[in-house]
Amino acid sequence: MQPVRTRIAPSPTGEPHVGTAYVSLFNYCFAKQQGGEFILRIEDTDQQRSTASSEAKILQSLHWLGIHWDEGPDQNGKYGPYRQSERRDIYQQHAQQLIEQGHAFYCFRSPEELEKLRQQRREQGLNPGFKLENPELPELEVKKRLSEGHPYVIRMKVPEHGVCQFTDLLRGTVEIDWAQVDMQVLLKADGMPTYHLANVVDDHLMRITHVIRGEEWINSTPKHQLLYEYFGWELPVFCHLPLLRNPDKSKLSKRKNPTSILFYQRMGYLPEALLNYLGRMGWSFPDEREKFSLEEMVRHFNINRISLGGPIFDIEKLKWLNSVYIREDLSLTDFTAWLQEWAFNEPYLTQIAQLIQNRIEVLSDVTNQAAFFFTGLPELAPNNFEHKKLKIEDTGKILQFSLWALESIETWSKQNISVILTNLAKVLELKMKELMFPIFIAISGNAVAPPIMDSMVILGPEMSRARLQHALTILKIPSKKQTKKWQNEFEYLKQLLTKSIPITISNHTK
């Protein structure tokens, strides 16, 4: 009998998400409880947004939490390579195999043509996905267009009618009407695969036995099951975990809760506490205890104890659990060591000392100048942002646009922060002092602080962005209506920004 093999396959396109840690934890525990293996695979087929720095942060954050893999990009394994960008030829071979078998076809339609077809289907009350009676061109026409170098994608064929059935380990039999499933692109015009082809091919070739992932992939499972059938491969066991949610039951999002694992590390949460808390997300220990180690979770793990109700990610509950770990698990020596590692280490203190040395008269002035370097989210009130020239909506827009723009910085440096904020001031037609005022308050929480861009470099991207978001939360801006309006405006301004900023602005607002 084949040993259990599970995997986590994050995309290196941003900060490492707590949802990635949550899914990783459950995959790890299931595999280890069964005496199996856990694999890390990097899904970097989105070449425009994938970055080496993001991949490094994913690996760093999971290792910090104590989740380690048997095979991955930094760990030898016999089923590599473990980055999808290094497996391009494999996907192209499999896409061609599907064409030869009649399960896929070359699609030469332009985006404009596709949008027109989708609009026609909407007007007919049909699902707008790509579903046509005769989507293929004659063979001779296909060969002609290929020889002439016309751009194309490769799409899979799906049934037009009927119902797809598949079995989910937690949900039993799931049925999805084929009318809701479009003819998915498998290979993009740049020759890279979409998630759907790469996911199925890699899971099979890496001998993954159980695909444990978030429930947002349920509607894609018919495509994946169909691909397994087309290739003649044995299906893995599918298991879709409930999504993490905010206290208001909405999907966990950085607008309402910090979502970067590195933010929680920077805030001073213990990795054991955060991992323990994620283990309580939808799963319960047999004796219902709140506090348990990773080893204990593995030993007692039963996937059938997962509840399908959306688990609530409550920061206040996480703080309580973290405090229990600090009180009960740390000796005074351990606690001192954690404080030193968190913020009172020599490299961190040296950066702060360099920034404030010329700004103080006596050492006790350090408290006024540098206290915000050793706190989490500052205590703020709306009146902190009162300004004689800026209305509250103007302040909110500055903070939101700055946050969106700063999210695009791959290398967090004073130069890059300065360039992007300077150009943002220009396109918003604001003086630099006006743009920086609410940013200064959001970052430092005070009217007195060292140079704020230097301070943001020391605090790091996760904490700096979290403080901007925190300020927006305090101001209760933007509303849903304002968000949509500002997103459209930022999309336009983004074109102006990219003309003068040597930093890639990515679609963080979509």
Protein backbone atom coordinates (compact mmCIF):
# COMPACT_ATOMS: atom_id res chain seq x y z
CA MET A 1 0.00 0.00 0.00
CA GLN A 2 1.37 3.41 -0.96
CA PRO A 3 2.37 5.54 2.04
CA VAL A 4 0.36 8.69 2.73
CA ARG A 5 1.82 11.75 1.02
CA THR A 6 0.36 15.24 1.43
CA ARG A 7 1.54 18.60 0.16
CA ILE A 8 1.22 22.33 0.54
CA ALA A 9 1.65 24.41 -2.62
CA PRO A 10 1.79 28.16 -1.88
CA SER A 11 2.27 30.83 -4.52
CA PRO A 12 5.21 33.19 -3.83
CA THR A 13 3.28 36.35 -4.69
CA GLY A 14 3.12 38.26 -1.42
CA GLU A 15 3.49 37.91 2.32
CA PRO A 16 3.21 34.39 3.79
CA HIS A 17 -0.44 34.04 4.80
CA VAL A 18 -1.73 32.51 8.03
CA GLY A 19 -4.09 30.52 5.81
CA THR A 20 -1.03 28.85 4.27
CA ALA A 21 0.18 27.95 7.75
CA TYR A 22 -3.26 26.61 8.67
CA VAL A 23 -3.50 24.33 5.61
CA SER A 24 0.16 23.31 6.04
CA LEU A 25 -0.44 22.32 9.64
CA PHE A 26 -3.37 20.05 8.82
CA ASN A 27 -1.50 18.44 5.91
CA TYR A 28 1.54 17.92 8.13
CA CYS A 29 -0.42 16.43 11.03
CA PHE A 30 -2.42 14.08 8.81
CA ALA A 31 0.70 12.79 7.04
CA LYS A 32 2.75 12.35 10.19
CA GLN A 33 -0.09 10.72 12.13
CA GLN A 34 -0.32 8.18 9.30
CA GLY A 35 3.45 7.66 9.21
CA GLY A 36 3.62 9.41 5.84
CA GLU A 37 5.45 12.30 4.20
CA PHE A 38 4.72 16.01 3.84
CA ILE A 39 5.91 17.91 0.75
CA LEU A 40 6.33 21.63 0.02
CA ARG A 41 5.91 22.69 -3.60
CA ILE A 42 6.20 26.26 -4.89
CA GLU A 43 3.51 27.18 -7.43
CA ASP A 44 5.26 30.04 -9.22
CA THR A 45 3.59 29.81 -12.63
CA ASP A 46 2.54 33.47 -12.33
CA GLN A 47 5.89 34.78 -13.50
CA GLN A 48 4.87 38.44 -13.27
CA ARG A 49 3.99 38.34 -9.57
CA SER A 50 6.15 35.50 -8.23
CA THR A 51 9.34 36.60 -6.47
CA ALA A 52 12.31 34.89 -4.86
CA SER A 53 11.91 37.08 -1.77
CA SER A 54 8.32 35.94 -1.30
CA GLU A 55 9.38 32.30 -1.59
CA ALA A 56 12.12 32.87 0.99
CA LYS A 57 9.58 34.41 3.38
CA ILE A 58 7.23 31.43 2.99
CA LEU A 59 10.00 28.99 3.86
CA GLN A 60 11.26 31.15 6.71
CA SER A 61 7.83 31.62 8.29
CA LEU A 62 6.86 27.94 8.16
CA HIS A 63 10.21 26.89 9.62
CA TRP A 64 9.77 29.52 12.36
CA LEU A 65 6.41 27.97 13.22
CA GLY A 66 7.99 24.53 13.46
CA ILE A 67 6.44 23.05 10.30
CA HIS A 68 9.15 21.15 8.40
CA TRP A 69 8.79 19.19 5.17
CA ASP A 70 10.33 15.97 3.90
CA GLU A 71 10.75 17.23 0.32
CA GLY A 72 10.82 20.71 -1.14
CA PRO A 73 12.86 23.33 -3.00
CA ASP A 74 15.35 23.47 -0.12
CA GLN A 75 15.18 19.74 0.66
CA ASN A 76 16.33 16.92 -1.58
CA GLY A 77 13.64 14.58 -2.89
CA LYS A 78 13.27 12.10 -5.73
CA TYR A 79 10.20 13.76 -7.27
CA GLY A 80 11.64 17.23 -7.90
CA PRO A 81 12.13 19.85 -9.00
CA TYR A 82 9.73 21.42 -6.51
CA ARG A 83 9.27 24.78 -8.24
CA GLN A 84 6.73 24.73 -11.02
CA SER A 85 8.72 27.23 -13.07
CA GLU A 86 11.39 24.53 -13.35
CA ARG A 87 8.88 21.93 -14.62
CA ARG A 88 7.64 23.82 -17.67
CA ASP A 89 8.56 21.09 -20.19
CA ILE A 90 6.66 18.50 -18.15
CA TYR A 91 3.43 20.49 -18.38
CA GLN A 92 3.81 21.20 -22.09
CA GLN A 93 4.27 17.47 -22.77
CA HIS A 94 1.12 16.63 -20.85
CA ALA A 95 -0.88 19.40 -22.54
CA GLN A 96 0.17 18.03 -25.94
CA GLN A 97 -0.84 14.55 -24.82
CA LEU A 98 -4.34 15.81 -24.07
CA ILE A 99 -4.58 17.44 -27.51
CA GLU A 100 -3.48 14.23 -29.22
CA GLN A 101 -6.07 12.26 -27.26
CA GLY A 102 -8.81 14.74 -28.19
CA HIS A 103 -9.33 16.01 -24.62
CA ALA A 104 -7.97 19.52 -25.24
CA PHE A 105 -7.70 21.99 -28.11
CA TYR A 106 -5.83 25.06 -29.32
CA CYS A 107 -7.83 28.23 -28.69
CA PHE A 108 -6.89 31.31 -30.75
CA ARG A 109 -9.69 33.57 -29.57
CA SER A 110 -8.67 37.04 -28.39
CA PRO A 111 -9.67 38.40 -24.96
CA GLU A 112 -12.12 40.72 -26.71
CA GLU A 113 -13.79 37.80 -28.50
CA LEU A 114 -14.03 35.85 -25.26
CA GLU A 115 -15.60 38.77 -23.41
CA LYS A 116 -18.17 39.18 -26.19
CA LEU A 117 -19.05 35.47 -25.98
CA ARG A 118 -19.34 35.65 -22.19
CA GLN A 119 -21.61 38.67 -22.44
CA GLN A 120 -23.85 36.81 -24.89
CA ARG A 121 -24.14 33.93 -22.43
CA ARG A 122 -24.99 36.32 -19.60
CA GLU A 123 -27.76 37.83 -21.72
CA GLN A 124 -29.10 34.32 -22.33
CA GLY A 125 -29.14 33.67 -18.59
CA LEU A 126 -26.31 31.15 -18.86
CA ASN A 127 -23.09 30.72 -16.90
CA PRO A 128 -20.55 33.14 -18.48
CA GLY A 129 -17.79 30.53 -18.60
CA PHE A 130 -16.28 29.54 -21.94
CA LYS A 131 -18.70 26.87 -23.25
CA LEU A 132 -19.36 26.66 -26.96
CA GLU A 133 -20.98 24.01 -29.13
CA ASN A 134 -18.11 23.97 -31.64
CA PRO A 135 -15.08 25.65 -30.04
CA GLU A 136 -12.45 24.03 -32.27
CA LEU A 137 -11.12 25.13 -35.62
CA PRO A 138 -10.58 22.63 -38.46
CA GLU A 139 -7.25 20.79 -38.24
CA LEU A 140 -5.82 22.50 -41.33
CA GLU A 141 -6.70 25.93 -39.98
CA VAL A 142 -5.06 25.08 -36.65
CA LYS A 143 -1.85 24.01 -38.42
CA LYS A 144 -1.90 27.17 -40.55
CA ARG A 145 -2.28 29.45 -37.53
CA LEU A 146 0.40 27.60 -35.58
CA SER A 147 2.84 27.87 -38.49
CA GLU A 148 2.09 31.60 -38.78
CA GLY A 149 2.83 32.12 -35.08
CA HIS A 150 -0.64 33.15 -33.97
CA PRO A 151 -0.91 33.36 -30.15
CA TYR A 152 -2.95 30.62 -28.52
CA VAL A 153 -3.81 28.89 -25.28
CA ILE A 154 -4.63 25.24 -24.75
CA ARG A 155 -8.05 24.55 -23.23
CA MET A 156 -9.50 21.36 -21.82
CA LYS A 157 -12.81 19.99 -23.00
CA VAL A 158 -15.59 19.57 -20.47
CA PRO A 159 -19.06 18.05 -20.73
CA GLU A 160 -21.81 20.46 -21.68
CA HIS A 161 -24.52 18.70 -19.71
CA GLY A 162 -24.91 16.44 -16.69
CA VAL A 163 -23.53 16.47 -13.18
CA CYS A 164 -20.03 15.83 -11.87
CA GLN A 165 -19.83 13.79 -8.67
CA PHE A 166 -16.79 13.49 -6.47
CA THR A 167 -16.15 12.35 -2.92
CA ASP A 168 -14.81 14.69 -0.26
CA LEU A 169 -13.33 13.19 2.89
CA LEU A 170 -15.26 15.63 5.11
CA ARG A 171 -18.35 16.34 3.01
CA GLY A 172 -19.18 13.02 1.40
CA THR A 173 -20.56 13.13 -2.15
CA VAL A 174 -20.44 16.55 -3.78
CA GLU A 175 -22.35 17.30 -7.00
CA ILE A 176 -21.61 20.19 -9.38
CA ASP A 177 -23.46 20.80 -12.65
CA TRP A 178 -21.14 20.65 -15.64
CA ALA A 179 -22.92 23.73 -17.00
CA GLN A 180 -21.10 25.73 -14.30
CA VAL A 181 -17.65 24.51 -15.41
CA ASP A 182 -15.91 26.35 -18.23
CA MET A 183 -13.40 25.02 -20.73
CA GLN A 184 -10.44 25.83 -18.53
CA VAL A 185 -7.17 27.16 -19.94
CA LEU A 186 -4.48 24.57 -19.20
CA LEU A 187 -1.50 26.18 -20.91
CA LYS A 188 -1.24 29.96 -21.17
CA ALA A 189 0.02 31.95 -24.14
CA ASP A 190 3.43 32.31 -22.49
CA GLY A 191 3.79 28.52 -22.34
CA MET A 192 3.28 28.35 -18.59
CA PRO A 193 0.54 26.15 -17.13
CA THR A 194 -2.41 27.36 -15.14
CA TYR A 195 -2.87 26.12 -11.59
CA HIS A 196 -5.26 23.43 -12.77
CA LEU A 197 -2.94 21.53 -15.12
CA ALA A 198 0.18 22.00 -12.98
CA ASN A 199 -1.64 20.97 -9.82
CA VAL A 200 -2.94 17.69 -11.25
CA VAL A 201 0.28 16.74 -13.07
CA ASP A 202 2.47 17.49 -10.07
CA ASP A 203 0.22 15.75 -7.57
CA HIS A 204 0.28 12.61 -9.70
CA LEU A 205 4.00 12.63 -10.46
CA MET A 206 4.84 13.41 -6.83
CA ARG A 207 2.57 10.57 -5.71
CA ILE A 208 0.33 12.73 -3.54
CA THR A 209 -2.32 10.49 -1.99
CA HIS A 210 -4.43 13.12 -0.19
CA VAL A 211 -5.15 16.61 -1.52
CA ILE A 212 -6.05 18.63 1.59
CA ARG A 213 -6.77 22.24 0.67
CA GLY A 214 -9.15 25.14 1.29
CA GLU A 215 -12.81 24.92 0.38
CA GLU A 216 -12.40 27.68 -2.22
CA TRP A 217 -11.13 24.92 -4.53
CA ILE A 218 -14.32 22.82 -4.37
CA ASN A 219 -15.74 24.31 -7.57
CA SER A 220 -12.48 23.54 -9.41
CA THR A 221 -12.45 19.89 -8.38
CA PRO A 222 -14.57 18.71 -11.36
CA LYS A 223 -11.87 20.00 -13.71
CA HIS A 224 -9.19 18.24 -11.69
CA GLN A 225 -11.12 14.97 -11.49
CA LEU A 226 -11.73 15.13 -15.25
CA LEU A 227 -8.02 15.62 -15.92
CA TYR A 228 -7.21 12.55 -13.82
CA GLU A 229 -9.70 10.60 -15.93
CA TYR A 230 -8.25 11.95 -19.20
CA PHE A 231 -4.75 10.88 -18.18
CA GLY A 232 -5.96 7.53 -16.84
CA TRP A 233 -4.55 8.20 -13.37
CA GLU A 234 -5.85 7.13 -9.98
CA LEU A 235 -7.61 9.90 -8.09
CA PRO A 236 -6.18 11.14 -4.80
CA VAL A 237 -8.47 11.59 -1.80
CA PHE A 238 -9.91 15.12 -1.80
CA CYS A 239 -10.46 16.99 1.46
CA HIS A 240 -11.53 20.63 1.51
CA LEU A 241 -10.92 22.49 4.77
CA PRO A 242 -13.25 25.28 5.94
CA LEU A 243 -11.93 28.79 5.32
CA LEU A 244 -10.60 30.94 8.15
CA ARG A 245 -12.99 33.77 8.88
CA ASN A 246 -13.06 37.16 10.59
CA PRO A 247 -15.22 37.58 13.71
CA ASP A 248 -18.02 38.92 11.47
CA LYS A 249 -17.93 35.57 9.57
CA SER A 250 -16.47 37.14 6.41
CA LYS A 251 -13.48 35.48 4.75
CA LEU A 252 -10.25 36.29 6.58
CA SER A 253 -8.76 39.37 4.95
CA LYS A 254 -5.93 41.76 5.75
CA ARG A 255 -8.39 44.66 5.84
CA LYS A 256 -9.96 43.25 9.01
CA ASN A 257 -7.16 41.11 10.47
CA PRO A 258 -3.42 41.07 9.81
CA THR A 259 -2.84 37.96 7.69
CA SER A 260 0.95 37.79 7.32
CA ILE A 261 2.70 35.16 9.46
CA LEU A 262 5.66 37.54 9.69
CA PHE A 263 3.41 40.19 11.25
CA TYR A 264 2.64 37.86 14.15
CA GLN A 265 6.34 37.06 14.50
CA ARG A 266 7.15 40.78 14.55
CA MET A 267 4.39 41.42 17.10
CA GLY A 268 6.02 39.02 19.53
CA TYR A 269 3.75 35.99 19.38
CA LEU A 270 5.44 32.72 20.25
CA PRO A 271 5.48 30.26 17.32
CA GLU A 272 4.16 27.44 19.53
CA ALA A 273 1.18 29.59 20.54
CA LEU A 274 0.32 30.62 16.99
CA LEU A 275 0.62 27.04 15.74
CA ASN A 276 -1.51 25.81 18.65
CA TYR A 277 -4.14 28.43 17.83
CA LEU A 278 -4.22 27.46 14.15
CA GLY A 279 -4.66 23.85 15.26
CA ARG A 280 -7.84 24.89 17.05
CA MET A 281 -9.23 26.31 13.80
CA GLY A 282 -11.98 23.84 13.00
CA TRP A 283 -10.34 20.94 14.87
CA SER A 284 -10.63 19.91 18.49
CA PHE A 285 -8.42 17.81 20.74
CA PRO A 286 -10.16 14.62 21.94
CA ASP A 287 -10.43 15.95 25.51
CA GLU A 288 -11.30 19.47 24.24
CA ARG A 289 -8.18 21.04 25.78
CA GLU A 290 -7.20 24.47 24.46
CA LYS A 291 -3.44 24.16 24.80
CA PHE A 292 -1.39 21.43 23.12
CA SER A 293 1.94 21.02 21.35
CA LEU A 294 2.52 20.08 17.73
CA GLU A 295 3.71 16.64 18.81
CA GLU A 296 0.51 16.13 20.81
CA MET A 297 -1.63 17.27 17.88
CA VAL A 298 0.11 14.81 15.55
CA ARG A 299 -0.30 11.96 18.01
CA HIS A 300 -4.03 12.55 18.49
CA PHE A 301 -4.92 13.92 15.07
CA ASN A 302 -8.12 12.62 13.49
CA ILE A 303 -9.20 14.44 10.36
CA ASN A 304 -12.82 13.51 10.99
CA ARG A 305 -12.79 15.82 14.04
CA ILE A 306 -12.63 18.82 11.71
CA SER A 307 -15.79 20.91 11.88
CA LEU A 308 -17.13 22.39 8.64
CA GLY A 309 -18.33 25.56 10.34
CA GLY A 310 -16.04 28.43 9.34
CA PRO A 311 -13.39 28.76 12.08
CA ILE A 312 -13.15 32.30 13.50
CA PHE A 313 -9.68 33.83 13.64
CA ASP A 314 -9.99 35.93 16.79
CA ILE A 315 -6.86 37.90 17.66
CA GLU A 316 -8.01 38.45 21.23
CA LYS A 317 -8.27 34.69 21.73
CA LEU A 318 -4.83 34.28 20.17
CA LYS A 319 -3.42 36.90 22.57
CA TRP A 320 -4.91 35.01 25.51
CA LEU A 321 -3.38 31.72 24.37
CA ASN A 322 -0.03 33.40 23.79
CA SER A 323 -0.13 34.81 27.32
CA VAL A 324 -0.72 31.28 28.66
CA TYR A 325 2.42 30.09 26.88
CA ILE A 326 4.43 33.01 28.24
CA ARG A 327 3.28 32.37 31.83
CA GLU A 328 3.29 28.58 31.86
CA ASP A 329 6.00 27.48 29.43
CA LEU A 330 8.77 30.04 29.78
CA SER A 331 11.25 30.21 32.63
CA LEU A 332 12.63 33.63 33.46
CA THR A 333 15.74 32.73 31.46
CA ASP A 334 13.61 31.63 28.48
CA PHE A 335 11.47 34.77 28.69
CA THR A 336 14.56 36.98 28.72
CA ALA A 337 15.96 35.11 25.73
CA TRP A 338 12.70 35.59 23.79
CA LEU A 339 12.70 39.33 24.57
CA GLN A 340 16.24 39.61 23.29
CA GLU A 341 15.43 37.69 20.13
CA TRP A 342 12.22 39.63 19.52
CA ALA A 343 13.42 43.24 19.77
CA PHE A 344 16.33 43.70 22.18
CA ASN A 345 18.93 42.04 20.01
CA GLU A 346 22.05 43.92 18.94
CA PRO A 347 21.28 44.26 15.20
CA TYR A 348 17.82 45.74 15.86
CA LEU A 349 19.00 48.06 18.62
CA THR A 350 21.93 49.23 16.51
CA GLN A 351 19.58 50.37 13.73
CA ILE A 352 17.51 52.35 16.23
CA ALA A 353 20.57 53.82 17.97
CA GLN A 354 21.95 55.09 14.66
CA LEU A 355 18.65 56.82 13.98
CA ILE A 356 18.18 58.56 17.35
CA GLN A 357 21.69 59.21 18.69
CA ASN A 358 21.79 62.79 17.40
CA ARG A 359 18.25 63.50 18.57
CA ILE A 360 18.59 62.95 22.33
CA GLU A 361 20.24 64.84 25.19
CA VAL A 362 20.03 62.20 27.92
CA LEU A 363 19.50 58.46 27.61
CA SER A 364 16.02 58.69 29.10
CA ASP A 365 14.96 60.63 25.99
CA VAL A 366 15.04 57.29 24.20
CA THR A 367 11.57 56.51 25.51
CA ASN A 368 9.98 59.48 23.75
CA GLN A 369 11.95 58.98 20.57
CA ALA A 370 11.91 55.22 20.14
CA ALA A 371 9.12 53.60 22.15
CA PHE A 372 7.11 52.86 19.00
CA PHE A 373 9.84 50.49 17.81
CA PHE A 374 9.01 48.18 20.72
CA THR A 375 5.23 48.17 20.48
CA GLY A 376 2.71 46.46 18.24
CA LEU A 377 -0.12 48.56 16.83
CA PRO A 378 -0.07 52.06 18.39
CA GLU A 379 -3.01 53.43 20.36
CA LEU A 380 -4.71 55.88 18.05
CA ALA A 381 -7.88 57.97 17.97
CA PRO A 382 -9.47 59.82 15.05
CA ASN A 383 -8.46 63.21 16.52
CA ASN A 384 -4.77 62.23 16.17
CA PHE A 385 -5.22 62.75 12.43
CA GLU A 386 -6.77 66.24 12.56
CA HIS A 387 -5.02 68.56 10.11
CA LYS A 388 -5.77 72.13 9.10
CA LYS A 389 -5.60 71.38 5.36
CA LEU A 390 -6.75 67.75 5.17
CA LYS A 391 -10.31 66.55 5.59
CA ILE A 392 -10.84 63.15 7.17
CA GLU A 393 -11.62 61.60 3.76
CA ASP A 394 -8.39 63.08 2.35
CA THR A 395 -6.47 61.51 5.21
CA GLY A 396 -8.11 58.16 4.60
CA LYS A 397 -7.35 58.28 0.90
CA ILE A 398 -3.67 59.07 1.57
CA LEU A 399 -3.38 56.13 3.95
CA GLN A 400 -5.20 53.71 1.64
CA PHE A 401 -3.34 54.73 -1.53
CA SER A 402 -0.03 54.64 0.32
CA LEU A 403 -0.84 51.16 1.59
CA TRP A 404 -1.72 49.88 -1.90
CA ALA A 405 1.40 51.46 -3.39
CA LEU A 406 3.73 50.18 -0.64
CA GLU A 407 2.36 46.65 -1.04
CA SER A 408 4.08 46.50 -4.42
CA ILE A 409 7.61 47.02 -3.06
CA GLU A 410 9.63 43.84 -3.36
CA THR A 411 12.83 45.18 -1.76
CA TRP A 412 11.94 47.12 1.36
CA SER A 413 14.42 50.02 1.47
CA LYS A 414 14.36 53.73 2.24
CA GLN A 415 15.06 54.53 -1.41
CA ASN A 416 12.14 52.48 -2.70
CA ILE A 417 9.78 53.81 -0.01
CA SER A 418 10.86 57.38 -0.79
CA VAL A 419 10.49 57.00 -4.55
CA ILE A 420 7.04 55.50 -4.34
CA LEU A 421 5.67 57.99 -1.80
CA THR A 422 7.23 60.99 -3.57
CA ASN A 423 5.62 60.00 -6.83
CA LEU A 424 2.34 59.26 -5.09
CA ALA A 425 2.35 62.81 -3.72
CA LYS A 426 2.86 64.11 -7.24
CA VAL A 427 0.00 62.15 -8.82
CA LEU A 428 -2.31 63.07 -5.93
CA GLU A 429 -1.21 66.70 -6.30
CA LEU A 430 -0.24 66.98 -2.64
CA LYS A 431 2.73 68.54 -0.93
CA MET A 432 5.07 65.94 0.52
CA LYS A 433 4.41 67.24 4.05
CA GLU A 434 0.67 66.74 3.56
CA LEU A 435 1.10 63.19 2.27
CA MET A 436 3.48 62.24 5.08
CA PHE A 437 1.44 63.66 7.97
CA PRO A 438 -1.08 60.80 8.37
CA ILE A 439 1.63 58.23 7.52
CA PHE A 440 3.81 59.69 10.29
CA ILE A 441 0.99 59.41 12.85
CA ALA A 442 -0.02 55.91 11.71
CA ILE A 443 3.54 54.56 11.93
CA SER A 444 4.76 56.26 15.13
CA GLY A 445 1.51 56.96 16.96
CA ASN A 446 3.07 60.22 18.07
CA ALA A 447 3.82 63.73 16.89
CA VAL A 448 7.48 63.26 17.93
CA ALA A 449 9.54 60.55 16.27
CA PRO A 450 12.70 60.01 14.20
CA PRO A 451 12.56 60.26 10.38
CA ILE A 452 9.58 58.15 9.46
CA MET A 453 10.88 56.48 6.29
CA ASP A 454 13.98 55.31 8.14
CA SER A 455 11.68 54.09 10.89
CA MET A 456 9.57 52.12 8.40
CA VAL A 457 12.70 50.38 7.14
CA ILE A 458 13.56 49.30 10.70
CA LEU A 459 10.01 48.23 11.51
CA GLY A 460 9.84 46.22 8.28
CA PRO A 461 7.12 45.89 5.63
CA GLU A 462 4.71 43.71 7.62
CA MET A 463 4.52 46.02 10.66
CA SER A 464 4.55 49.22 8.59
CA ARG A 465 1.67 48.08 6.40
CA ALA A 466 -0.24 46.73 9.39
CA ARG A 467 0.01 50.13 11.09
CA LEU A 468 -1.36 51.90 8.02
CA GLN A 469 -4.26 49.44 7.93
CA HIS A 470 -4.76 49.88 11.67
CA ALA A 471 -5.06 53.65 11.18
CA LEU A 472 -7.71 53.14 8.49
CA THR A 473 -9.62 50.90 10.90
CA ILE A 474 -9.48 53.56 13.60
CA LEU A 475 -10.75 56.17 11.14
CA LYS A 476 -13.41 53.72 9.90
CA ILE A 477 -12.39 54.50 6.34
CA PRO A 478 -13.00 53.57 3.57
CA SER A 479 -16.60 52.41 3.34
CA LYS A 480 -17.44 49.70 0.79
CA LYS A 481 -18.61 52.39 -1.62
CA GLN A 482 -15.44 54.42 -1.10
CA THR A 483 -13.28 51.32 -1.51
CA LYS A 484 -14.69 50.61 -4.98
CA LYS A 485 -14.34 54.24 -6.01
CA TRP A 486 -10.77 54.46 -4.72
CA GLN A 487 -9.80 51.17 -6.33
CA ASN A 488 -10.86 52.49 -9.73
CA GLU A 489 -9.03 55.76 -9.13
CA PHE A 490 -5.88 53.95 -7.97
CA GLU A 491 -5.96 51.74 -11.06
CA TYR A 492 -5.78 54.88 -13.16
CA LEU A 493 -3.10 56.55 -11.03
CA LYS A 494 -1.11 53.33 -11.08
CA GLN A 495 -0.45 53.86 -14.78
CA LEU A 496 1.03 57.27 -13.98
CA LEU A 497 3.08 55.85 -11.13
CA THR A 498 4.64 53.13 -13.24
CA LYS A 499 5.84 55.69 -15.80
CA SER A 500 8.13 57.28 -13.26
CA ILE A 501 8.76 54.62 -10.61
CA PRO A 502 11.30 51.86 -11.22
CA ILE A 503 9.24 49.48 -9.07
CA THR A 504 6.59 47.07 -10.33
CA ILE A 505 3.11 48.03 -9.18
CA SER A 506 1.00 44.87 -9.02
CA ASN A 507 -2.76 44.39 -8.89
CA HIS A 508 -3.22 44.34 -5.12
CA THR A 509 -6.59 46.04 -5.33
CA LYS A 510 -8.31 43.39 -7.43
